[in-house]
């Protein structure tokens, strides 16, 4: 895999509408004071890991039945508080901008987009660290046009792509030279660092699970979102 982009899954909240009353934590997404004004990404990949952190589960043991039950209980408890679970980040950003939502589980880009739109928000840095991730690309063994695929990969890991992802979305990039276009103050405002390990090692990184476990959890989360 060619690592391409990295970032965090955390909580974007409206600073004029919500006060965490102390240290920021995962509890924001379970805060009954803002019941009906909480948003979650529809993807179970993020929700289940955030729920695992909320439940205090070690990621190394998340594959067990006991861990599954603990995650299920946390997500069931949250469901009555959640207003929406859209498939796209744009819907969450728009709902936060309008005040329909006060807080939402998001990636870096939502907070950056709203800040650029002069909406007062904060991308929370919860105690214990945010959920961190790295995305990348792989070449399919039966790729019909490897040369074209390599052209795409070369473009994605190039400096211009990195500058765009950093400056417009607040995501980290695999090319260290892309960070040269930004001063330390700007990177800090984007909750980034020149050294990826500063961010990634300070949070919680998900671990690959079996296809069977993933299917089971995804099916469960769809039922939760449907109200069952």
C-alpha atoms as a PDB file:
ATOM      1  CA  UNK A   1       0.000   0.000   0.000  1.00  0.00           C
ATOM      2  CA  UNK A   2       1.163   3.537  -0.724  1.00  0.00           C
ATOM      3  CA  UNK A   3       0.218   5.724   2.261  1.00  0.00           C
ATOM      4  CA  UNK A   4      -1.369   8.850   0.873  1.00  0.00           C
ATOM      5  CA  UNK A   5      -3.255  10.883   3.442  1.00  0.00           C
ATOM      6  CA  UNK A   6      -3.666  10.797   7.212  1.00  0.00           C
ATOM      7  CA  UNK A   7      -5.815  12.499   9.791  1.00  0.00           C
ATOM      8  CA  UNK A   8      -8.121  12.204  12.751  1.00  0.00           C
ATOM      9  CA  UNK A   9     -11.690  11.307  13.533  1.00  0.00           C
ATOM     10  CA  UNK A  10     -12.813  13.554  16.350  1.00  0.00           C
ATOM     11  CA  UNK A  11     -15.642  15.921  17.278  1.00  0.00           C
ATOM     12  CA  UNK A  12     -16.409  19.244  15.640  1.00  0.00           C
ATOM     13  CA  UNK A  13     -18.569  21.429  17.872  1.00  0.00           C
ATOM     14  CA  UNK A  14     -20.011  24.937  17.764  1.00  0.00           C
ATOM     15  CA  UNK A  15     -18.113  26.908  20.367  1.00  0.00           C
ATOM     16  CA  UNK A  16     -20.854  29.515  20.863  1.00  0.00           C
ATOM     17  CA  UNK A  17     -23.513  26.819  21.334  1.00  0.00           C
ATOM     18  CA  UNK A  18     -21.690  24.299  23.468  1.00  0.00           C
ATOM     19  CA  UNK A  19     -19.357  24.324  26.463  1.00  0.00           C
ATOM     20  CA  UNK A  20     -17.741  20.958  27.288  1.00  0.00           C
ATOM     21  CA  UNK A  21     -17.378  22.212  30.869  1.00  0.00           C
ATOM     22  CA  UNK A  22     -13.825  21.106  31.363  1.00  0.00           C
ATOM     23  CA  UNK A  23     -11.501  18.836  29.448  1.00  0.00           C
ATOM     24  CA  UNK A  24     -12.718  17.758  26.028  1.00  0.00           C
ATOM     25  CA  UNK A  25     -13.670  14.093  25.890  1.00  0.00           C
ATOM     26  CA  UNK A  26     -15.562  11.537  23.844  1.00  0.00           C
ATOM     27  CA  UNK A  27     -18.494  12.182  26.184  1.00  0.00           C
ATOM     28  CA  UNK A  28     -19.481  15.181  24.031  1.00  0.00           C
ATOM     29  CA  UNK A  29     -21.134  12.727  21.628  1.00  0.00           C
ATOM     30  CA  UNK A  30     -23.117  11.239  24.506  1.00  0.00           C
ATOM     31  CA  UNK A  31     -24.002  14.524  26.251  1.00  0.00           C
ATOM     32  CA  UNK A  32     -27.723  14.590  27.067  1.00  0.00           C
ATOM     33  CA  UNK A  33     -27.619  18.395  27.273  1.00  0.00           C
ATOM     34  CA  UNK A  34     -27.516  18.471  23.461  1.00  0.00           C
ATOM     35  CA  UNK A  35     -29.813  15.531  22.798  1.00  0.00           C
ATOM     36  CA  UNK A  36     -31.205  15.762  19.282  1.00  0.00           C
ATOM     37  CA  UNK A  37     -28.360  18.035  18.182  1.00  0.00           C
ATOM     38  CA  UNK A  38     -25.633  15.424  17.745  1.00  0.00           C
ATOM     39  CA  UNK A  39     -24.470  14.079  14.383  1.00  0.00           C
ATOM     40  CA  UNK A  40     -22.541  10.939  13.471  1.00  0.00           C
ATOM     41  CA  UNK A  41     -20.958   9.786  10.237  1.00  0.00           C
ATOM     42  CA  UNK A  42     -22.913   6.875   8.811  1.00  0.00           C
ATOM     43  CA  UNK A  43     -19.836   4.701   8.525  1.00  0.00           C
ATOM     44  CA  UNK A  44     -19.592   1.999  11.121  1.00  0.00           C
ATOM     45  CA  UNK A  45     -15.814   1.990  10.693  1.00  0.00           C
ATOM     46  CA  UNK A  46     -15.505   5.232  12.623  1.00  0.00           C
ATOM     47  CA  UNK A  47     -18.462   4.861  14.956  1.00  0.00           C
ATOM     48  CA  UNK A  48     -17.452   1.493  16.346  1.00  0.00           C
ATOM     49  CA  UNK A  49     -13.910   2.553  17.161  1.00  0.00           C
ATOM     50  CA  UNK A  50     -15.096   5.761  18.819  1.00  0.00           C
ATOM     51  CA  UNK A  51     -17.583   3.688  20.789  1.00  0.00           C
ATOM     52  CA  UNK A  52     -14.783   1.323  21.780  1.00  0.00           C
ATOM     53  CA  UNK A  53     -12.756   4.249  23.121  1.00  0.00           C
ATOM     54  CA  UNK A  54     -15.828   5.533  24.963  1.00  0.00           C
ATOM     55  CA  UNK A  55     -16.314   2.071  26.489  1.00  0.00           C
ATOM     56  CA  UNK A  56     -12.663   1.919  27.562  1.00  0.00           C
ATOM     57  CA  UNK A  57     -11.889  -1.136  25.450  1.00  0.00           C
ATOM     58  CA  UNK A  58      -8.347  -2.015  24.366  1.00  0.00           C
ATOM     59  CA  UNK A  59      -8.273  -2.229  20.588  1.00  0.00           C
ATOM     60  CA  UNK A  60      -6.288  -5.473  20.768  1.00  0.00           C
ATOM     61  CA  UNK A  61      -9.327  -7.197  22.310  1.00  0.00           C
ATOM     62  CA  UNK A  62     -12.058  -5.638  20.211  1.00  0.00           C
ATOM     63  CA  UNK A  63     -12.670  -8.878  18.308  1.00  0.00           C
ATOM     64  CA  UNK A  64     -14.135 -10.625  21.363  1.00  0.00           C
ATOM     65  CA  UNK A  65     -17.850 -11.149  21.993  1.00  0.00           C
ATOM     66  CA  UNK A  66     -17.570  -9.201  25.236  1.00  0.00           C
ATOM     67  CA  UNK A  67     -16.112  -6.201  23.391  1.00  0.00           C
ATOM     68  CA  UNK A  68     -18.820  -6.419  20.725  1.00  0.00           C
ATOM     69  CA  UNK A  69     -21.504  -6.352  23.414  1.00  0.00           C
ATOM     70  CA  UNK A  70     -19.857  -3.369  25.125  1.00  0.00           C
ATOM     71  CA  UNK A  71     -19.704  -1.429  21.848  1.00  0.00           C
ATOM     72  CA  UNK A  72     -23.309  -2.325  21.118  1.00  0.00           C
ATOM     73  CA  UNK A  73     -24.429  -1.034  24.513  1.00  0.00           C
ATOM     74  CA  UNK A  74     -22.604   2.277  24.048  1.00  0.00           C
ATOM     75  CA  UNK A  75     -24.051   2.839  20.575  1.00  0.00           C
ATOM     76  CA  UNK A  76     -27.572   1.925  21.723  1.00  0.00           C
ATOM     77  CA  UNK A  77     -27.295   4.440  24.544  1.00  0.00           C
ATOM     78  CA  UNK A  78     -26.231   7.114  22.090  1.00  0.00           C
ATOM     79  CA  UNK A  79     -28.897   6.534  19.433  1.00  0.00           C
ATOM     80  CA  UNK A  80     -31.731   8.556  21.112  1.00  0.00           C
ATOM     81  CA  UNK A  81     -29.400  11.551  21.304  1.00  0.00           C
ATOM     82  CA  UNK A  82     -28.444  11.541  17.613  1.00  0.00           C
ATOM     83  CA  UNK A  83     -30.310  13.694  15.124  1.00  0.00           C
ATOM     84  CA  UNK A  84     -28.700  12.521  11.905  1.00  0.00           C
ATOM     85  CA  UNK A  85     -26.203   9.987  10.500  1.00  0.00           C
ATOM     86  CA  UNK A  86     -25.475  11.137   6.932  1.00  0.00           C
ATOM     87  CA  UNK A  87     -23.221   9.324   4.490  1.00  0.00           C
ATOM     88  CA  UNK A  88     -21.397  12.508   3.536  1.00  0.00           C
ATOM     89  CA  UNK A  89     -19.408  15.085   5.469  1.00  0.00           C
ATOM     90  CA  UNK A  90     -21.045  18.000   3.617  1.00  0.00           C
ATOM     91  CA  UNK A  91     -24.401  17.323   5.280  1.00  0.00           C
ATOM     92  CA  UNK A  92     -22.783  17.369   8.714  1.00  0.00           C
ATOM     93  CA  UNK A  93     -20.978  20.620   7.922  1.00  0.00           C
ATOM     94  CA  UNK A  94     -24.167  22.299   6.720  1.00  0.00           C
ATOM     95  CA  UNK A  95     -26.103  21.151   9.786  1.00  0.00           C
ATOM     96  CA  UNK A  96     -23.377  22.475  12.082  1.00  0.00           C
ATOM     97  CA  UNK A  97     -23.263  25.774  10.195  1.00  0.00           C
ATOM     98  CA  UNK A  98     -27.022  26.277  10.530  1.00  0.00           C
ATOM     99  CA  UNK A  99     -27.078  25.338  14.202  1.00  0.00           C
ATOM    100  CA  UNK A 100     -29.227  22.270  13.581  1.00  0.00           C
ATOM    101  CA  UNK A 101     -26.326  20.304  15.068  1.00  0.00           C
ATOM    102  CA  UNK A 102     -24.196  21.427  17.977  1.00  0.00           C
ATOM    103  CA  UNK A 103     -21.616  18.651  17.771  1.00  0.00           C
ATOM    104  CA  UNK A 104     -20.762  15.855  15.369  1.00  0.00           C
ATOM    105  CA  UNK A 105     -18.259  13.077  14.841  1.00  0.00           C
ATOM    106  CA  UNK A 106     -16.221  14.284  11.852  1.00  0.00           C
ATOM    107  CA  UNK A 107     -12.889  14.170  10.090  1.00  0.00           C
ATOM    108  CA  UNK A 108     -10.502  17.135  10.001  1.00  0.00           C
ATOM    109  CA  UNK A 109     -12.027  18.612   6.849  1.00  0.00           C
ATOM    110  CA  UNK A 110     -15.362  19.547   8.427  1.00  0.00           C
ATOM    111  CA  UNK A 111     -13.783  21.826  11.018  1.00  0.00           C
ATOM    112  CA  UNK A 112     -11.498  23.394   8.403  1.00  0.00           C
ATOM    113  CA  UNK A 113     -14.380  24.009   5.995  1.00  0.00           C
ATOM    114  CA  UNK A 114     -16.486  25.683   8.677  1.00  0.00           C
ATOM    115  CA  UNK A 115     -13.595  27.791   9.922  1.00  0.00           C
ATOM    116  CA  UNK A 116     -12.970  29.041   6.395  1.00  0.00           C
ATOM    117  CA  UNK A 117     -16.678  29.959   6.324  1.00  0.00           C
ATOM    118  CA  UNK A 118     -16.200  31.976   9.550  1.00  0.00           C
ATOM    119  CA  UNK A 119     -18.367  29.608  11.588  1.00  0.00           C
ATOM    120  CA  UNK A 120     -16.922  29.415  15.116  1.00  0.00           C
ATOM    121  CA  UNK A 121     -16.111  25.756  15.694  1.00  0.00           C
ATOM    122  CA  UNK A 122     -13.456  23.661  17.332  1.00  0.00           C
ATOM    123  CA  UNK A 123     -12.063  20.287  16.309  1.00  0.00           C
ATOM    124  CA  UNK A 124     -11.857  18.638  19.712  1.00  0.00           C
ATOM    125  CA  UNK A 125      -8.701  16.980  20.996  1.00  0.00           C
ATOM    126  CA  UNK A 126     -10.308  14.627  23.508  1.00  0.00           C
ATOM    127  CA  UNK A 127      -8.413  13.304  26.481  1.00  0.00           C
ATOM    128  CA  UNK A 128      -6.635  10.100  25.571  1.00  0.00           C
ATOM    129  CA  UNK A 129      -6.317  11.214  21.965  1.00  0.00           C
ATOM    130  CA  UNK A 130      -8.504  11.217  18.869  1.00  0.00           C
ATOM    131  CA  UNK A 131      -9.048   8.269  16.561  1.00  0.00           C
ATOM    132  CA  UNK A 132      -6.288   8.460  13.943  1.00  0.00           C
ATOM    133  CA  UNK A 133      -6.084   6.893  10.505  1.00  0.00           C
ATOM    134  CA  UNK A 134      -3.971   6.540   7.385  1.00  0.00           C
ATOM    135  CA  UNK A 135      -5.469   5.948   3.932  1.00  0.00           C
ATOM    136  CA  UNK A 136      -3.607   4.605   0.936  1.00  0.00           C
ATOM    137  CA  UNK A 137      -3.791   2.934  -2.453  1.00  0.00           C
ATOM    138  CA  UNK A 138      -2.966  -0.515  -3.712  1.00  0.00           C
ATOM    139  CA  UNK A 139      -2.491  -1.852  -7.228  1.00  0.00           C
ATOM    140  CA  UNK A 140      -4.921  -4.597  -8.152  1.00  0.00           C
ATOM    141  CA  UNK A 141      -3.087  -7.638  -9.428  1.00  0.00           C
ATOM    142  CA  UNK A 142      -5.243  -7.614 -12.578  1.00  0.00           C
ATOM    143  CA  UNK A 143      -4.971  -3.867 -13.229  1.00  0.00           C
ATOM    144  CA  UNK A 144      -5.417  -3.443 -16.995  1.00  0.00           C
ATOM    145  CA  UNK A 145      -3.226  -0.317 -17.295  1.00  0.00           C
ATOM    146  CA  UNK A 146      -0.431  -0.330 -14.697  1.00  0.00           C
ATOM    147  CA  UNK A 147       1.401   2.580 -16.336  1.00  0.00           C
ATOM    148  CA  UNK A 148      -1.668   4.796 -16.048  1.00  0.00           C
ATOM    149  CA  UNK A 149      -2.184   3.666 -12.480  1.00  0.00           C
ATOM    150  CA  UNK A 150       1.371   4.661 -11.620  1.00  0.00           C
ATOM    151  CA  UNK A 151       0.756   8.072 -13.188  1.00  0.00           C
ATOM    152  CA  UNK A 152      -2.207   8.540 -10.868  1.00  0.00           C
ATOM    153  CA  UNK A 153      -0.212   7.401  -7.840  1.00  0.00           C
ATOM    154  CA  UNK A 154       2.678   9.712  -8.719  1.00  0.00           C
ATOM    155  CA  UNK A 155       0.256  12.645  -8.883  1.00  0.00           C
ATOM    156  CA  UNK A 156      -1.414  11.770  -5.583  1.00  0.00           C
ATOM    157  CA  UNK A 157       1.841  11.576  -3.649  1.00  0.00           C
ATOM    158  CA  UNK A 158       3.246  14.722  -5.274  1.00  0.00           C
ATOM    159  CA  UNK A 159       3.738  18.076  -3.553  1.00  0.00           C
ATOM    160  CA  UNK A 160       0.770  19.872  -5.229  1.00  0.00           C
ATOM    161  CA  UNK A 161      -1.656  17.196  -3.990  1.00  0.00           C
ATOM    162  CA  UNK A 162      -0.190  17.438  -0.524  1.00  0.00           C
ATOM    163  CA  UNK A 163      -0.468  21.216  -0.405  1.00  0.00           C
ATOM    164  CA  UNK A 164      -4.118  20.978  -1.437  1.00  0.00           C
ATOM    165  CA  UNK A 165      -4.996  18.336   1.158  1.00  0.00           C
ATOM    166  CA  UNK A 166      -3.215  20.178   3.931  1.00  0.00           C
ATOM    167  CA  UNK A 167      -4.427  23.668   3.122  1.00  0.00           C
ATOM    168  CA  UNK A 168      -7.994  22.931   2.039  1.00  0.00           C
ATOM    169  CA  UNK A 169      -8.916  19.920   4.181  1.00  0.00           C
ATOM    170  CA  UNK A 170      -6.564  19.886   7.134  1.00  0.00           C
ATOM    171  CA  UNK A 171      -5.370  16.380   6.296  1.00  0.00           C
ATOM    172  CA  UNK A 172      -1.778  15.278   6.591  1.00  0.00           C
ATOM    173  CA  UNK A 173       0.078  14.012   3.530  1.00  0.00           C
ATOM    174  CA  UNK A 174       2.743  11.454   2.798  1.00  0.00           C
ATOM    175  CA  UNK A 175       5.106  13.925   1.094  1.00  0.00           C
ATOM    176  CA  UNK A 176       7.080  15.852   3.689  1.00  0.00           C
ATOM    177  CA  UNK A 177       7.926  18.578   1.171  1.00  0.00           C
ATOM    178  CA  UNK A 178       4.234  19.508   0.954  1.00  0.00           C
ATOM    179  CA  UNK A 179       4.467  20.866   4.497  1.00  0.00           C
ATOM    180  CA  UNK A 180       7.091  23.429   3.469  1.00  0.00           C
ATOM    181  CA  UNK A 181       4.306  25.691   2.153  1.00  0.00           C
ATOM    182  CA  UNK A 182       2.878  26.135   5.673  1.00  0.00           C
ATOM    183  CA  UNK A 183       4.304  27.726   8.785  1.00  0.00           C
ATOM    184  CA  UNK A 184       4.068  26.076  12.185  1.00  0.00           C
ATOM    185  CA  UNK A 185       1.262  28.375  13.340  1.00  0.00           C
ATOM    186  CA  UNK A 186      -0.924  27.392  10.385  1.00  0.00           C
ATOM    187  CA  UNK A 187      -0.230  23.701  10.900  1.00  0.00           C
ATOM    188  CA  UNK A 188      -1.095  23.972  14.583  1.00  0.00           C
ATOM    189  CA  UNK A 189      -4.388  25.682  13.707  1.00  0.00           C
ATOM    190  CA  UNK A 190      -5.110  22.744  11.401  1.00  0.00           C
ATOM    191  CA  UNK A 191      -4.247  20.324  14.257  1.00  0.00           C
ATOM    192  CA  UNK A 192      -1.358  19.002  12.163  1.00  0.00           C
ATOM    193  CA  UNK A 193       2.384  18.575  12.644  1.00  0.00           C
ATOM    194  CA  UNK A 194       5.257  18.201  10.215  1.00  0.00           C
ATOM    195  CA  UNK A 195       6.084  14.844  11.772  1.00  0.00           C
ATOM    196  CA  UNK A 196       3.099  12.478  11.302  1.00  0.00           C
ATOM    197  CA  UNK A 197       4.026  10.465  14.394  1.00  0.00           C
ATOM    198  CA  UNK A 198       3.329  13.486  16.601  1.00  0.00           C
ATOM    199  CA  UNK A 199      -0.358  13.219  15.665  1.00  0.00           C
ATOM    200  CA  UNK A 200      -0.777   9.542  14.852  1.00  0.00           C
ATOM    201  CA  UNK A 201       1.035   8.155  17.886  1.00  0.00           C
ATOM    202  CA  UNK A 202      -0.859  10.484  20.226  1.00  0.00           C
ATOM    203  CA  UNK A 203      -4.209   8.965  19.288  1.00  0.00           C
ATOM    204  CA  UNK A 204      -5.886   5.618  18.824  1.00  0.00           C
ATOM    205  CA  UNK A 205      -5.279   3.752  15.582  1.00  0.00           C
ATOM    206  CA  UNK A 206      -7.791   1.118  14.543  1.00  0.00           C
ATOM    207  CA  UNK A 207      -6.620  -2.438  13.899  1.00  0.00           C
ATOM    208  CA  UNK A 208      -7.684  -4.669  10.978  1.00  0.00           C
ATOM    209  CA  UNK A 209     -10.434  -7.136  11.842  1.00  0.00           C
ATOM    210  CA  UNK A 210     -11.728 -10.231  10.103  1.00  0.00           C
ATOM    211  CA  UNK A 211     -14.292  -9.853   7.289  1.00  0.00           C
ATOM    212  CA  UNK A 212     -16.779 -11.761   9.456  1.00  0.00           C
ATOM    213  CA  UNK A 213     -16.380  -9.366  12.376  1.00  0.00           C
ATOM    214  CA  UNK A 214     -16.637  -6.333  10.102  1.00  0.00           C
ATOM    215  CA  UNK A 215     -19.809  -7.664   8.487  1.00  0.00           C
ATOM    216  CA  UNK A 216     -21.337  -8.401  11.873  1.00  0.00           C
ATOM    217  CA  UNK A 217     -20.561  -4.923  13.205  1.00  0.00           C
ATOM    218  CA  UNK A 218     -21.714  -3.135  10.057  1.00  0.00           C
ATOM    219  CA  UNK A 219     -25.006  -5.031  10.101  1.00  0.00           C
ATOM    220  CA  UNK A 220     -25.474  -4.159  13.749  1.00  0.00           C
ATOM    221  CA  UNK A 221     -24.751  -0.469  13.194  1.00  0.00           C
ATOM    222  CA  UNK A 222     -27.271  -0.303  10.364  1.00  0.00           C
ATOM    223  CA  UNK A 223     -29.900  -1.670  12.762  1.00  0.00           C
ATOM    224  CA  UNK A 224     -28.905   0.878  15.383  1.00  0.00           C
ATOM    225  CA  UNK A 225     -29.284   3.752  12.915  1.00  0.00           C
ATOM    226  CA  UNK A 226     -32.694   2.402  11.934  1.00  0.00           C
ATOM    227  CA  UNK A 227     -33.799   2.520  15.562  1.00  0.00           C
ATOM    228  CA  UNK A 228     -33.665  -1.179  16.439  1.00  0.00           C
END
